[in-house]
Amino acid sequence: MSRYFGEIRQLGYVVKDVQRAMRHWIDVIGVGPWFYVPEVPMRDFHYMGKPSGAKIAVALANSGFVQVELIQALDDEPSMFRDFLRAGNQGLQHLAYWPTDWEGMVAAAEKRGYRIGQTAVVGDMGPMAYLTTEAHPGTVIELSKATEKRMGNFSAIREASVGWDGRDPIRTSIRF
């Protein structure tokens, strides 16, 4: 457990093709079911302090208590996802934590030298921030406020994974 952020709750992978990535996790690793959102509703998206119209698709599944997020950039708008792909990367891009005191944790991280790379409000689930530090280039921390809506959705995703038998591997029933 991180003494700064708590338990790692999510591993975030940036991929070029979210459909292909889900099939890999289902067929090769056996993780699922996946909850796919073709375009995440986001507002007030800011990249390096400036407004951006970035759009993403995501898929979420759990393996035990750890959630796996697959993210596909849908455009070339400024975002840390675009930067990651442009650098020739594909794969693990961030570790996520879900604090209840989101504002306090973001402020504490900034005092420790983290910079805000991007922020947004995700649907009705609440705010998130991606933090970077020059101390270890490439390490991105996501802090997403543990709102009732977010935790309800994430709990339903985790519950669906318990005893999953491989049927109905890709679902679209989650609403942000």
C-alpha atoms as a PDB file:
ATOM      1  CA  MET A   1       0.000   0.000   0.000  1.00  0.00           C
ATOM      2  CA  SER A   2       1.211   3.514  -0.768  1.00  0.00           C
ATOM      3  CA  ARG A   3       1.605   5.602   2.342  1.00  0.00           C
ATOM      4  CA  TYR A   4       0.728   8.657   0.238  1.00  0.00           C
ATOM      5  CA  PHE A   5      -2.246   7.422  -1.758  1.00  0.00           C
ATOM      6  CA  GLY A   6      -3.570   4.234  -0.107  1.00  0.00           C
ATOM      7  CA  GLU A   7      -4.292   1.005  -1.971  1.00  0.00           C
ATOM      8  CA  ILE A   8      -3.750   0.735  -5.706  1.00  0.00           C
ATOM      9  CA  ARG A   9      -7.296   0.309  -6.983  1.00  0.00           C
ATOM     10  CA  GLN A  10      -6.795   0.299 -10.735  1.00  0.00           C
ATOM     11  CA  LEU A  11      -4.194  -0.410 -13.418  1.00  0.00           C
ATOM     12  CA  GLY A  12      -4.761   1.805 -16.464  1.00  0.00           C
ATOM     13  CA  TYR A  13      -3.575   0.618 -19.879  1.00  0.00           C
ATOM     14  CA  VAL A  14      -3.571   2.899 -22.911  1.00  0.00           C
ATOM     15  CA  VAL A  15      -4.116   0.881 -26.079  1.00  0.00           C
ATOM     16  CA  LYS A  16      -4.587   1.595 -29.767  1.00  0.00           C
ATOM     17  CA  ASP A  17      -7.604  -0.714 -30.101  1.00  0.00           C
ATOM     18  CA  VAL A  18      -9.765  -1.298 -27.035  1.00  0.00           C
ATOM     19  CA  GLN A  19     -11.791  -4.076 -28.717  1.00  0.00           C
ATOM     20  CA  ARG A  20      -8.632  -6.026 -29.506  1.00  0.00           C
ATOM     21  CA  ALA A  21      -7.260  -5.413 -26.006  1.00  0.00           C
ATOM     22  CA  MET A  22     -10.454  -6.752 -24.395  1.00  0.00           C
ATOM     23  CA  ARG A  23     -10.231  -9.903 -26.531  1.00  0.00           C
ATOM     24  CA  HIS A  24      -6.641 -10.394 -25.353  1.00  0.00           C
ATOM     25  CA  TRP A  25      -7.601 -10.080 -21.677  1.00  0.00           C
ATOM     26  CA  ILE A  26     -10.596 -12.409 -22.184  1.00  0.00           C
ATOM     27  CA  ASP A  27      -8.960 -15.089 -24.356  1.00  0.00           C
ATOM     28  CA  VAL A  28      -5.351 -15.066 -23.126  1.00  0.00           C
ATOM     29  CA  ILE A  29      -5.613 -13.998 -19.490  1.00  0.00           C
ATOM     30  CA  GLY A  30      -9.215 -15.001 -18.694  1.00  0.00           C
ATOM     31  CA  VAL A  31     -10.199 -11.688 -17.092  1.00  0.00           C
ATOM     32  CA  GLY A  32     -13.745 -10.391 -17.460  1.00  0.00           C
ATOM     33  CA  PRO A  33     -16.460  -9.547 -17.925  1.00  0.00           C
ATOM     34  CA  TRP A  34     -15.599  -6.191 -19.481  1.00  0.00           C
ATOM     35  CA  PHE A  35     -17.839  -3.161 -19.207  1.00  0.00           C
ATOM     36  CA  TYR A  36     -17.311  -1.170 -22.384  1.00  0.00           C
ATOM     37  CA  VAL A  37     -18.090   2.525 -22.824  1.00  0.00           C
ATOM     38  CA  PRO A  38     -17.668   3.564 -26.499  1.00  0.00           C
ATOM     39  CA  GLU A  39     -17.271   7.256 -25.579  1.00  0.00           C
ATOM     40  CA  VAL A  40     -16.813   8.353 -21.982  1.00  0.00           C
ATOM     41  CA  PRO A  41     -18.877  11.442 -21.152  1.00  0.00           C
ATOM     42  CA  MET A  42     -16.362  14.009 -19.888  1.00  0.00           C
ATOM     43  CA  ARG A  43     -16.630  17.717 -19.265  1.00  0.00           C
ATOM     44  CA  ASP A  44     -14.156  20.360 -18.176  1.00  0.00           C
ATOM     45  CA  PHE A  45     -11.268  18.308 -19.608  1.00  0.00           C
ATOM     46  CA  HIS A  46      -8.004  20.177 -19.161  1.00  0.00           C
ATOM     47  CA  TYR A  47      -4.576  19.091 -20.372  1.00  0.00           C
ATOM     48  CA  MET A  48      -1.602  20.880 -18.837  1.00  0.00           C
ATOM     49  CA  GLY A  49      -3.990  23.559 -17.577  1.00  0.00           C
ATOM     50  CA  LYS A  50      -5.612  24.260 -20.961  1.00  0.00           C
ATOM     51  CA  PRO A  51      -9.041  23.124 -22.197  1.00  0.00           C
ATOM     52  CA  SER A  52      -9.064  20.094 -24.484  1.00  0.00           C
ATOM     53  CA  GLY A  53     -11.802  18.232 -26.306  1.00  0.00           C
ATOM     54  CA  ALA A  54     -10.172  14.816 -25.819  1.00  0.00           C
ATOM     55  CA  LYS A  55     -12.466  11.839 -26.247  1.00  0.00           C
ATOM     56  CA  ILE A  56     -11.797   8.286 -25.076  1.00  0.00           C
ATOM     57  CA  ALA A  57     -13.371   4.844 -25.070  1.00  0.00           C
ATOM     58  CA  VAL A  58     -12.819   2.663 -22.001  1.00  0.00           C
ATOM     59  CA  ALA A  59     -13.375  -0.885 -20.884  1.00  0.00           C
ATOM     60  CA  LEU A  60     -13.320  -1.905 -17.212  1.00  0.00           C
ATOM     61  CA  ALA A  61     -12.996  -5.310 -15.547  1.00  0.00           C
ATOM     62  CA  ASN A  62     -11.743  -6.637 -12.252  1.00  0.00           C
ATOM     63  CA  SER A  63      -9.289  -9.293 -11.253  1.00  0.00           C
ATOM     64  CA  GLY A  64      -9.960  -9.650  -7.561  1.00  0.00           C
ATOM     65  CA  PHE A  65      -9.971  -6.248  -5.924  1.00  0.00           C
ATOM     66  CA  VAL A  66      -7.849  -4.635  -8.662  1.00  0.00           C
ATOM     67  CA  GLN A  67      -9.680  -3.023 -11.548  1.00  0.00           C
ATOM     68  CA  VAL A  68      -8.141  -3.040 -15.025  1.00  0.00           C
ATOM     69  CA  GLU A  69      -8.957  -0.118 -17.304  1.00  0.00           C
ATOM     70  CA  LEU A  70      -8.318  -0.156 -21.047  1.00  0.00           C
ATOM     71  CA  ILE A  71      -8.287   3.306 -22.651  1.00  0.00           C
ATOM     72  CA  GLN A  72      -8.375   4.159 -26.337  1.00  0.00           C
ATOM     73  CA  ALA A  73      -7.937   7.778 -27.478  1.00  0.00           C
ATOM     74  CA  LEU A  74     -10.624   8.511 -30.060  1.00  0.00           C
ATOM     75  CA  ASP A  75      -9.038  11.684 -31.440  1.00  0.00           C
ATOM     76  CA  ASP A  76      -5.818  13.647 -31.560  1.00  0.00           C
ATOM     77  CA  GLU A  77      -6.852  16.281 -29.026  1.00  0.00           C
ATOM     78  CA  PRO A  78      -4.247  17.094 -26.354  1.00  0.00           C
ATOM     79  CA  SER A  79      -4.201  14.478 -23.574  1.00  0.00           C
ATOM     80  CA  MET A  80      -1.771  12.327 -21.655  1.00  0.00           C
ATOM     81  CA  PHE A  81      -3.215   9.337 -23.552  1.00  0.00           C
ATOM     82  CA  ARG A  82      -2.244  10.892 -26.897  1.00  0.00           C
ATOM     83  CA  ASP A  83       1.229  11.722 -25.544  1.00  0.00           C
ATOM     84  CA  PHE A  84       1.716   8.142 -24.346  1.00  0.00           C
ATOM     85  CA  LEU A  85       0.843   6.713 -27.758  1.00  0.00           C
ATOM     86  CA  ARG A  86       2.898   9.328 -29.647  1.00  0.00           C
ATOM     87  CA  ALA A  87       5.920   8.328 -27.579  1.00  0.00           C
ATOM     88  CA  GLY A  88       5.548   4.854 -29.093  1.00  0.00           C
ATOM     89  CA  ASN A  89       4.070   3.337 -25.965  1.00  0.00           C
ATOM     90  CA  GLN A  90       1.121   1.031 -25.458  1.00  0.00           C
ATOM     91  CA  GLY A  91       0.381  -0.636 -22.143  1.00  0.00           C
ATOM     92  CA  LEU A  92       0.407   0.332 -18.476  1.00  0.00           C
ATOM     93  CA  GLN A  93       0.123   4.112 -18.264  1.00  0.00           C
ATOM     94  CA  HIS A  94      -1.163   4.839 -14.763  1.00  0.00           C
ATOM     95  CA  LEU A  95      -1.959   3.584 -11.288  1.00  0.00           C
ATOM     96  CA  ALA A  96      -5.257   4.820  -9.862  1.00  0.00           C
ATOM     97  CA  TYR A  97      -6.432   5.533  -6.346  1.00  0.00           C
ATOM     98  CA  TRP A  98      -9.953   6.433  -5.248  1.00  0.00           C
ATOM     99  CA  PRO A  99      -9.788   8.833  -2.285  1.00  0.00           C
ATOM    100  CA  THR A 100     -12.824  10.213  -0.503  1.00  0.00           C
ATOM    101  CA  ASP A 101     -10.875  13.413   0.285  1.00  0.00           C
ATOM    102  CA  TRP A 102      -9.976  14.007  -3.351  1.00  0.00           C
ATOM    103  CA  GLU A 103      -9.232  17.721  -3.026  1.00  0.00           C
ATOM    104  CA  GLY A 104      -6.962  17.137  -0.009  1.00  0.00           C
ATOM    105  CA  MET A 105      -5.080  14.297  -1.692  1.00  0.00           C
ATOM    106  CA  VAL A 106      -4.505  16.289  -4.896  1.00  0.00           C
ATOM    107  CA  ALA A 107      -3.203  19.231  -2.843  1.00  0.00           C
ATOM    108  CA  ALA A 108      -0.915  16.937  -0.801  1.00  0.00           C
ATOM    109  CA  ALA A 109       0.459  15.373  -3.990  1.00  0.00           C
ATOM    110  CA  GLU A 110       1.224  18.791  -5.426  1.00  0.00           C
ATOM    111  CA  LYS A 111       3.149  19.640  -2.236  1.00  0.00           C
ATOM    112  CA  ARG A 112       5.227  16.476  -2.795  1.00  0.00           C
ATOM    113  CA  GLY A 113       6.191  17.654  -6.287  1.00  0.00           C
ATOM    114  CA  TYR A 114       3.513  16.101  -8.467  1.00  0.00           C
ATOM    115  CA  ARG A 115       2.123  18.228 -11.284  1.00  0.00           C
ATOM    116  CA  ILE A 116      -1.401  18.063 -12.630  1.00  0.00           C
ATOM    117  CA  GLY A 117      -1.217  16.709 -16.169  1.00  0.00           C
ATOM    118  CA  GLN A 118      -4.926  16.495 -16.894  1.00  0.00           C
ATOM    119  CA  THR A 119      -8.253  16.796 -15.128  1.00  0.00           C
ATOM    120  CA  ALA A 120     -11.889  16.182 -16.029  1.00  0.00           C
ATOM    121  CA  VAL A 121     -15.291  15.490 -14.591  1.00  0.00           C
ATOM    122  CA  VAL A 122     -16.415  12.031 -15.738  1.00  0.00           C
ATOM    123  CA  GLY A 123     -20.158  11.882 -16.342  1.00  0.00           C
ATOM    124  CA  ASP A 124     -22.031  11.859 -13.037  1.00  0.00           C
ATOM    125  CA  MET A 125     -19.172  10.011 -11.304  1.00  0.00           C
ATOM    126  CA  GLY A 126     -17.152  13.080 -10.370  1.00  0.00           C
ATOM    127  CA  PRO A 127     -13.681  14.532 -10.828  1.00  0.00           C
ATOM    128  CA  MET A 128     -10.398  12.884 -11.674  1.00  0.00           C
ATOM    129  CA  ALA A 129      -6.834  14.143 -11.983  1.00  0.00           C
ATOM    130  CA  TYR A 130      -3.755  12.611 -13.572  1.00  0.00           C
ATOM    131  CA  LEU A 131      -0.557  13.561 -11.773  1.00  0.00           C
ATOM    132  CA  THR A 132       3.022  13.370 -13.000  1.00  0.00           C
ATOM    133  CA  THR A 133       6.394  13.831 -11.385  1.00  0.00           C
ATOM    134  CA  GLU A 134       9.838  14.304 -12.851  1.00  0.00           C
ATOM    135  CA  ALA A 135      11.282  12.132 -10.056  1.00  0.00           C
ATOM    136  CA  HIS A 136      10.423   9.031 -12.083  1.00  0.00           C
ATOM    137  CA  PRO A 137       9.488   9.887 -15.675  1.00  0.00           C
ATOM    138  CA  GLY A 138       6.543   7.885 -16.962  1.00  0.00           C
ATOM    139  CA  THR A 139       4.906   7.350 -13.610  1.00  0.00           C
ATOM    140  CA  VAL A 140       1.358   8.672 -13.754  1.00  0.00           C
ATOM    141  CA  ILE A 141      -0.970   8.649 -10.769  1.00  0.00           C
ATOM    142  CA  GLU A 142      -4.716   8.950 -11.268  1.00  0.00           C
ATOM    143  CA  LEU A 143      -6.801  10.222  -8.393  1.00  0.00           C
ATOM    144  CA  SER A 144     -10.553   9.773  -8.919  1.00  0.00           C
ATOM    145  CA  LYS A 145     -12.906  11.001  -6.226  1.00  0.00           C
ATOM    146  CA  ALA A 146     -14.686   8.102  -4.511  1.00  0.00           C
ATOM    147  CA  THR A 147     -18.199   9.415  -5.095  1.00  0.00           C
ATOM    148  CA  GLU A 148     -21.257   7.290  -4.384  1.00  0.00           C
ATOM    149  CA  LYS A 149     -21.953   6.887  -8.134  1.00  0.00           C
ATOM    150  CA  ARG A 150     -18.347   5.909  -8.972  1.00  0.00           C
ATOM    151  CA  MET A 151     -18.069   3.431  -6.130  1.00  0.00           C
ATOM    152  CA  GLY A 152     -21.471   1.937  -6.977  1.00  0.00           C
ATOM    153  CA  ASN A 153     -20.403   1.375 -10.586  1.00  0.00           C
ATOM    154  CA  PHE A 154     -17.017  -0.006  -9.604  1.00  0.00           C
ATOM    155  CA  SER A 155     -18.574  -2.315  -7.020  1.00  0.00           C
ATOM    156  CA  ALA A 156     -20.957  -3.705  -9.674  1.00  0.00           C
ATOM    157  CA  ILE A 157     -18.004  -4.332 -12.030  1.00  0.00           C
ATOM    158  CA  ARG A 158     -16.126  -6.181  -9.293  1.00  0.00           C
ATOM    159  CA  GLU A 159     -19.165  -8.262  -8.317  1.00  0.00           C
ATOM    160  CA  ALA A 160     -19.668  -9.307 -11.950  1.00  0.00           C
ATOM    161  CA  SER A 161     -16.121 -10.694 -11.981  1.00  0.00           C
ATOM    162  CA  VAL A 162     -16.664 -12.948  -8.973  1.00  0.00           C
ATOM    163  CA  GLY A 163     -17.267 -16.431 -10.316  1.00  0.00           C
ATOM    164  CA  TRP A 164     -17.450 -15.194 -13.923  1.00  0.00           C
ATOM    165  CA  ASP A 165     -17.859 -18.228 -16.194  1.00  0.00           C
ATOM    166  CA  GLY A 166     -16.735 -16.640 -19.464  1.00  0.00           C
ATOM    167  CA  ARG A 167     -20.219 -15.945 -20.790  1.00  0.00           C
ATOM    168  CA  ASP A 168     -21.278 -12.474 -21.939  1.00  0.00           C
ATOM    169  CA  PRO A 169     -17.655 -11.215 -21.892  1.00  0.00           C
ATOM    170  CA  ILE A 170     -18.290  -7.670 -23.182  1.00  0.00           C
ATOM    171  CA  ARG A 171     -21.129  -5.655 -21.724  1.00  0.00           C
ATOM    172  CA  THR A 172     -22.352  -2.101 -22.288  1.00  0.00           C
ATOM    173  CA  SER A 173     -24.688  -1.837 -19.323  1.00  0.00           C
ATOM    174  CA  ILE A 174     -22.611   0.629 -17.271  1.00  0.00           C
ATOM    175  CA  ARG A 175     -23.480   4.333 -17.301  1.00  0.00           C
ATOM    176  CA  PHE A 176     -21.062   7.049 -16.274  1.00  0.00           C
END
